[in-house]
């Protein structure tokens, strides 16, 4: 009598797992236009600004904002940067 043994193959991951983005909550002291300027600078280097909320004033009465950002993993490059590096010259 022949026995048929069914074995499950170990799953192999074809594609590497996506790198994980780090989420940070940062408190900035300053008025809204200054906070928005800082957020634009962060976006220029690839950070993703998710929310900007008004925070509690400091003990000295200065305006604060709480900003949530997603920070890409090391080595990550924004698409516009990759495309800029590989543009063909006419």
C-alpha atoms as a PDB file:
ATOM      1  CA  UNK A   1       0.000   0.000   0.000  1.00  0.00           C
ATOM      2  CA  UNK A   2       1.439   3.361  -1.061  1.00  0.00           C
ATOM      3  CA  UNK A   3       1.005   6.298   1.265  1.00  0.00           C
ATOM      4  CA  UNK A   4       0.530   9.754  -0.119  1.00  0.00           C
ATOM      5  CA  UNK A   5       2.030  12.388   2.125  1.00  0.00           C
ATOM      6  CA  UNK A   6       1.046  15.971   1.487  1.00  0.00           C
ATOM      7  CA  UNK A   7       3.540  18.514   2.710  1.00  0.00           C
ATOM      8  CA  UNK A   8       3.048  22.199   2.963  1.00  0.00           C
ATOM      9  CA  UNK A   9       5.858  24.192   1.434  1.00  0.00           C
ATOM     10  CA  UNK A  10       7.408  26.906   3.499  1.00  0.00           C
ATOM     11  CA  UNK A  11       6.138  30.200   2.209  1.00  0.00           C
ATOM     12  CA  UNK A  12       8.758  32.317   0.556  1.00  0.00           C
ATOM     13  CA  UNK A  13       8.411  36.013   0.448  1.00  0.00           C
ATOM     14  CA  UNK A  14       8.873  37.097  -3.141  1.00  0.00           C
ATOM     15  CA  UNK A  15       9.158  40.815  -2.450  1.00  0.00           C
ATOM     16  CA  UNK A  16      10.966  42.300   0.508  1.00  0.00           C
ATOM     17  CA  UNK A  17       8.729  43.789   3.142  1.00  0.00           C
ATOM     18  CA  UNK A  18       8.175  47.509   2.899  1.00  0.00           C
ATOM     19  CA  UNK A  19      10.264  49.603   5.243  1.00  0.00           C
ATOM     20  CA  UNK A  20       8.334  51.059   8.135  1.00  0.00           C
ATOM     21  CA  UNK A  21       7.829  54.798   8.423  1.00  0.00           C
ATOM     22  CA  UNK A  22       8.282  56.314  11.863  1.00  0.00           C
ATOM     23  CA  UNK A  23       5.480  58.513  13.225  1.00  0.00           C
ATOM     24  CA  UNK A  24       6.437  61.439  15.423  1.00  0.00           C
ATOM     25  CA  UNK A  25       4.545  64.099  17.323  1.00  0.00           C
ATOM     26  CA  UNK A  26       6.493  67.346  17.573  1.00  0.00           C
ATOM     27  CA  UNK A  27       5.591  70.505  19.479  1.00  0.00           C
ATOM     28  CA  UNK A  28       6.689  73.733  17.825  1.00  0.00           C
ATOM     29  CA  UNK A  29       6.668  77.140  19.495  1.00  0.00           C
ATOM     30  CA  UNK A  30       5.649  79.888  17.080  1.00  0.00           C
ATOM     31  CA  UNK A  31       2.794  81.394  15.142  1.00  0.00           C
ATOM     32  CA  UNK A  32       0.937  79.476  12.423  1.00  0.00           C
ATOM     33  CA  UNK A  33       2.820  80.920   9.388  1.00  0.00           C
ATOM     34  CA  UNK A  34       6.175  80.007  10.962  1.00  0.00           C
ATOM     35  CA  UNK A  35       4.966  76.468  11.739  1.00  0.00           C
ATOM     36  CA  UNK A  36       3.696  76.061   8.167  1.00  0.00           C
ATOM     37  CA  UNK A  37       7.075  77.230   6.816  1.00  0.00           C
ATOM     38  CA  UNK A  38       8.848  74.608   8.942  1.00  0.00           C
ATOM     39  CA  UNK A  39       6.413  71.923   7.755  1.00  0.00           C
ATOM     40  CA  UNK A  40       7.104  72.824   4.101  1.00  0.00           C
ATOM     41  CA  UNK A  41      10.827  72.366   4.779  1.00  0.00           C
ATOM     42  CA  UNK A  42      10.131  68.944   6.283  1.00  0.00           C
ATOM     43  CA  UNK A  43       8.036  67.985   3.244  1.00  0.00           C
ATOM     44  CA  UNK A  44      10.881  69.093   0.961  1.00  0.00           C
ATOM     45  CA  UNK A  45      13.114  66.421   2.552  1.00  0.00           C
ATOM     46  CA  UNK A  46      10.441  63.726   2.267  1.00  0.00           C
ATOM     47  CA  UNK A  47       8.635  63.878   5.607  1.00  0.00           C
ATOM     48  CA  UNK A  48       4.851  63.666   5.402  1.00  0.00           C
ATOM     49  CA  UNK A  49       3.013  66.175   7.587  1.00  0.00           C
ATOM     50  CA  UNK A  50      -0.221  64.536   8.751  1.00  0.00           C
ATOM     51  CA  UNK A  51      -1.767  67.080  11.145  1.00  0.00           C
ATOM     52  CA  UNK A  52      -1.082  70.520  12.583  1.00  0.00           C
ATOM     53  CA  UNK A  53      -3.064  71.326  15.722  1.00  0.00           C
ATOM     54  CA  UNK A  54      -2.885  74.282  18.056  1.00  0.00           C
ATOM     55  CA  UNK A  55      -1.295  73.302  21.362  1.00  0.00           C
ATOM     56  CA  UNK A  56      -1.414  74.761  24.846  1.00  0.00           C
ATOM     57  CA  UNK A  57       0.492  78.013  25.305  1.00  0.00           C
ATOM     58  CA  UNK A  58       3.832  77.780  27.087  1.00  0.00           C
ATOM     59  CA  UNK A  59       4.129  79.011  30.680  1.00  0.00           C
ATOM     60  CA  UNK A  60       5.462  82.257  29.229  1.00  0.00           C
ATOM     61  CA  UNK A  61       2.366  82.575  27.005  1.00  0.00           C
ATOM     62  CA  UNK A  62       3.934  81.646  23.651  1.00  0.00           C
ATOM     63  CA  UNK A  63       1.761  80.006  21.004  1.00  0.00           C
ATOM     64  CA  UNK A  64       2.485  76.326  20.319  1.00  0.00           C
ATOM     65  CA  UNK A  65       1.434  73.849  17.650  1.00  0.00           C
ATOM     66  CA  UNK A  66       1.464  70.060  17.779  1.00  0.00           C
ATOM     67  CA  UNK A  67       2.541  68.536  14.467  1.00  0.00           C
ATOM     68  CA  UNK A  68       2.241  64.839  13.576  1.00  0.00           C
ATOM     69  CA  UNK A  69       4.617  63.657  10.865  1.00  0.00           C
ATOM     70  CA  UNK A  70       5.566  60.417   9.174  1.00  0.00           C
ATOM     71  CA  UNK A  71       9.307  60.091   8.722  1.00  0.00           C
ATOM     72  CA  UNK A  72      10.552  57.761   5.965  1.00  0.00           C
ATOM     73  CA  UNK A  73      13.087  55.018   6.677  1.00  0.00           C
ATOM     74  CA  UNK A  74      16.773  55.640   6.032  1.00  0.00           C
ATOM     75  CA  UNK A  75      17.644  55.553   2.352  1.00  0.00           C
ATOM     76  CA  UNK A  76      14.140  56.429   1.187  1.00  0.00           C
ATOM     77  CA  UNK A  77      13.938  59.055  -1.553  1.00  0.00           C
ATOM     78  CA  UNK A  78      10.876  61.003  -2.692  1.00  0.00           C
ATOM     79  CA  UNK A  79       9.609  60.168  -6.192  1.00  0.00           C
ATOM     80  CA  UNK A  80      10.320  63.687  -7.466  1.00  0.00           C
ATOM     81  CA  UNK A  81      13.947  63.315  -6.330  1.00  0.00           C
ATOM     82  CA  UNK A  82      14.308  59.960  -8.080  1.00  0.00           C
ATOM     83  CA  UNK A  83      12.756  61.313 -11.267  1.00  0.00           C
ATOM     84  CA  UNK A  84      14.976  64.391 -11.130  1.00  0.00           C
ATOM     85  CA  UNK A  85      18.081  62.225 -10.924  1.00  0.00           C
ATOM     86  CA  UNK A  86      17.073  60.094 -13.914  1.00  0.00           C
ATOM     87  CA  UNK A  87      15.743  62.667 -16.369  1.00  0.00           C
ATOM     88  CA  UNK A  88      17.002  62.223 -19.875  1.00  0.00           C
ATOM     89  CA  UNK A  89      18.598  65.230 -21.478  1.00  0.00           C
ATOM     90  CA  UNK A  90      17.231  66.265 -24.926  1.00  0.00           C
END
